[in-house]
C-alpha cells in the first residue's frame, strides 16, 4: 500500500511522483484513467508492455 489513511477507504492518491520528480502519475478518483508524463524511455516502456492498455494522447507527440 502506498499510503495509510483508513478513513479514505476506496480512494487513492491522485498524484504520485518520485523524489527526483523525473515523472508524474495522475489518476482520477475512480481510476477510470491514469496519465503518466516522464522521460521518453519510461513512456516507450509503458507503450511496449503487453499487459497494459496504453494510449498515447494526440497532443503528447
N, C-alpha and C. Protein backbone atom coordinates (compact mmCIF):
# COMPACT_ATOMS: atom_id res chain seq x y z
N UNK A 1 0.85 -1.16 0.00
CA UNK A 1 0.00 0.00 0.00
C UNK A 1 0.90 1.24 0.00
N UNK A 2 0.56 2.20 -0.82
CA UNK A 2 1.38 3.40 -0.94
C UNK A 2 1.09 4.44 0.13
N UNK A 3 -0.01 4.30 0.81
CA UNK A 3 -0.40 5.29 1.80
C UNK A 3 -1.22 4.60 2.89
N UNK A 4 -1.37 5.22 4.04
CA UNK A 4 -2.09 4.63 5.15
C UNK A 4 -3.10 5.64 5.68
N UNK A 5 -4.28 5.65 5.08
CA UNK A 5 -5.36 6.53 5.51
C UNK A 5 -6.65 5.72 5.56
N UNK A 6 -6.87 4.95 6.64
CA UNK A 6 -8.04 4.07 6.71
C UNK A 6 -9.37 4.80 6.50
N UNK A 7 -9.45 6.07 6.87
CA UNK A 7 -10.69 6.82 6.70
C UNK A 7 -10.99 7.13 5.24
N UNK A 8 -10.03 6.93 4.37
CA UNK A 8 -10.20 7.20 2.94
C UNK A 8 -10.37 5.89 2.16
N UNK A 9 -11.05 4.94 2.72
CA UNK A 9 -11.22 3.64 2.08
C UNK A 9 -11.86 3.79 0.69
N UNK A 10 -11.26 3.13 -0.28
CA UNK A 10 -11.77 3.16 -1.64
C UNK A 10 -11.24 4.31 -2.49
N UNK A 11 -10.45 5.17 -1.91
CA UNK A 11 -9.89 6.30 -2.65
C UNK A 11 -8.39 6.10 -2.79
N UNK A 12 -7.80 6.74 -3.76
CA UNK A 12 -6.37 6.62 -3.97
C UNK A 12 -5.76 8.00 -4.11
N UNK A 13 -4.44 8.09 -3.98
CA UNK A 13 -3.81 9.38 -4.24
C UNK A 13 -4.06 9.78 -5.69
N UNK A 14 -4.17 11.05 -5.95
CA UNK A 14 -4.42 11.48 -7.32
C UNK A 14 -3.12 11.78 -8.07
N UNK A 15 -2.03 12.03 -7.36
CA UNK A 15 -0.75 12.32 -8.00
C UNK A 15 0.36 11.59 -7.26
N UNK A 16 1.23 10.94 -8.02
CA UNK A 16 2.40 10.27 -7.46
C UNK A 16 3.61 10.65 -8.29
N UNK A 17 4.72 10.91 -7.63
CA UNK A 17 5.97 11.17 -8.34
C UNK A 17 7.13 10.83 -7.42
N UNK A 18 8.29 10.47 -8.02
CA UNK A 18 9.45 10.11 -7.21
C UNK A 18 10.13 11.36 -6.64
N UNK A 19 11.03 11.15 -5.73
CA UNK A 19 11.75 12.27 -5.11
C UNK A 19 12.45 13.15 -6.14
N UNK A 20 12.98 12.53 -7.21
CA UNK A 20 13.71 13.33 -8.20
C UNK A 20 12.77 14.05 -9.18
N UNK A 21 11.47 13.80 -9.06
CA UNK A 21 10.45 14.45 -9.89
C UNK A 21 10.69 14.27 -11.38
N UNK A 22 11.23 13.10 -11.76
CA UNK A 22 11.52 12.84 -13.17
C UNK A 22 10.29 12.39 -13.95
N UNK A 23 9.22 12.00 -13.25
CA UNK A 23 7.98 11.61 -13.90
C UNK A 23 6.84 11.92 -12.94
N UNK A 24 5.61 11.89 -13.45
CA UNK A 24 4.43 12.08 -12.60
C UNK A 24 3.32 11.16 -13.11
N UNK A 25 2.57 10.61 -12.17
CA UNK A 25 1.42 9.78 -12.48
C UNK A 25 0.21 10.44 -11.86
N UNK A 26 -0.82 10.67 -12.64
CA UNK A 26 -2.05 11.33 -12.17
C UNK A 26 -3.23 10.43 -12.46
N UNK A 27 -4.05 10.17 -11.44
CA UNK A 27 -5.25 9.36 -11.62
C UNK A 27 -6.47 10.18 -11.24
N UNK A 28 -7.63 9.79 -11.76
CA UNK A 28 -8.85 10.37 -11.26
C UNK A 28 -9.33 9.51 -10.10
N UNK A 29 -10.29 9.96 -9.35
CA UNK A 29 -10.65 9.30 -8.10
C UNK A 29 -11.21 7.89 -8.29
N UNK A 30 -11.85 7.60 -9.41
CA UNK A 30 -12.41 6.28 -9.60
C UNK A 30 -11.55 5.38 -10.50
N UNK A 31 -10.35 5.83 -10.82
CA UNK A 31 -9.36 5.06 -11.57
C UNK A 31 -9.81 4.69 -12.97
N UNK A 32 -10.66 5.50 -13.59
CA UNK A 32 -11.04 5.25 -14.98
C UNK A 32 -9.93 5.66 -15.93
N UNK A 33 -9.05 6.51 -15.47
CA UNK A 33 -7.95 6.94 -16.34
C UNK A 33 -6.74 7.26 -15.48
N UNK A 34 -5.58 7.05 -16.07
CA UNK A 34 -4.32 7.39 -15.43
C UNK A 34 -3.45 8.05 -16.49
N UNK A 35 -2.88 9.18 -16.17
CA UNK A 35 -1.97 9.88 -17.08
C UNK A 35 -0.57 9.79 -16.52
N UNK A 36 0.38 9.52 -17.39
CA UNK A 36 1.79 9.46 -16.99
C UNK A 36 2.56 10.41 -17.88
N UNK A 37 3.41 11.20 -17.27
CA UNK A 37 4.30 12.08 -18.01
C UNK A 37 5.70 11.83 -17.49
N UNK A 38 6.65 11.68 -18.42
CA UNK A 38 8.01 11.41 -17.98
C UNK A 38 8.95 11.27 -19.16
N UNK A 39 10.13 10.74 -18.89
CA UNK A 39 11.14 10.58 -19.94
C UNK A 39 10.67 9.64 -21.04
N UNK A 40 11.20 9.83 -22.22
CA UNK A 40 10.83 9.01 -23.38
C UNK A 40 10.99 7.53 -23.09
N UNK A 41 12.05 7.13 -22.42
CA UNK A 41 12.28 5.70 -22.12
C UNK A 41 11.15 5.12 -21.27
N UNK A 42 10.65 5.87 -20.32
CA UNK A 42 9.54 5.41 -19.48
C UNK A 42 8.28 5.26 -20.32
N UNK A 43 7.97 6.25 -21.12
CA UNK A 43 6.76 6.21 -21.94
C UNK A 43 6.83 5.05 -22.95
N UNK A 44 7.98 4.86 -23.57
CA UNK A 44 8.14 3.75 -24.53
C UNK A 44 7.98 2.41 -23.83
N UNK A 45 8.51 2.27 -22.62
CA UNK A 45 8.37 1.02 -21.87
C UNK A 45 6.90 0.74 -21.57
N UNK A 46 6.14 1.75 -21.21
CA UNK A 46 4.71 1.58 -20.95
C UNK A 46 3.98 1.21 -22.23
N UNK A 47 4.28 1.90 -23.33
CA UNK A 47 3.63 1.61 -24.61
C UNK A 47 3.92 0.20 -25.10
N UNK A 48 5.09 -0.33 -24.78
CA UNK A 48 5.51 -1.65 -25.26
C UNK A 48 5.18 -2.79 -24.31
N UNK A 49 4.58 -2.48 -23.16
CA UNK A 49 4.22 -3.51 -22.19
C UNK A 49 2.92 -4.18 -22.63
N UNK A 50 2.96 -5.46 -22.90
CA UNK A 50 1.79 -6.18 -23.40
C UNK A 50 0.67 -6.36 -22.39
N UNK A 51 0.95 -6.15 -21.11
CA UNK A 51 -0.07 -6.33 -20.08
C UNK A 51 -0.84 -5.06 -19.75
N UNK A 52 -0.41 -3.93 -20.29
CA UNK A 52 -1.07 -2.66 -20.01
C UNK A 52 -1.87 -2.18 -21.21
N UNK A 53 -2.99 -1.54 -20.95
CA UNK A 53 -3.75 -0.87 -22.00
C UNK A 53 -3.28 0.58 -22.01
N UNK A 54 -2.55 0.95 -23.05
CA UNK A 54 -1.89 2.27 -23.11
C UNK A 54 -2.30 2.99 -24.39
N UNK A 55 -2.62 4.24 -24.25
CA UNK A 55 -2.94 5.09 -25.41
C UNK A 55 -2.10 6.35 -25.31
N UNK A 56 -1.42 6.68 -26.38
CA UNK A 56 -0.67 7.93 -26.41
C UNK A 56 -1.63 9.05 -26.78
N UNK A 57 -1.70 10.06 -25.94
CA UNK A 57 -2.61 11.17 -26.21
C UNK A 57 -2.09 11.95 -27.43
N UNK A 58 -3.00 12.41 -28.29
CA UNK A 58 -2.56 13.05 -29.54
C UNK A 58 -1.73 14.31 -29.34
N UNK A 59 -1.97 15.03 -28.27
CA UNK A 59 -1.19 16.26 -28.06
C UNK A 59 0.14 15.99 -27.38
N UNK A 60 0.45 14.73 -27.09
CA UNK A 60 1.70 14.38 -26.42
C UNK A 60 2.82 14.03 -27.39
N UNK A 61 2.56 14.08 -28.68
CA UNK A 61 3.60 13.70 -29.64
C UNK A 61 4.27 14.92 -30.23
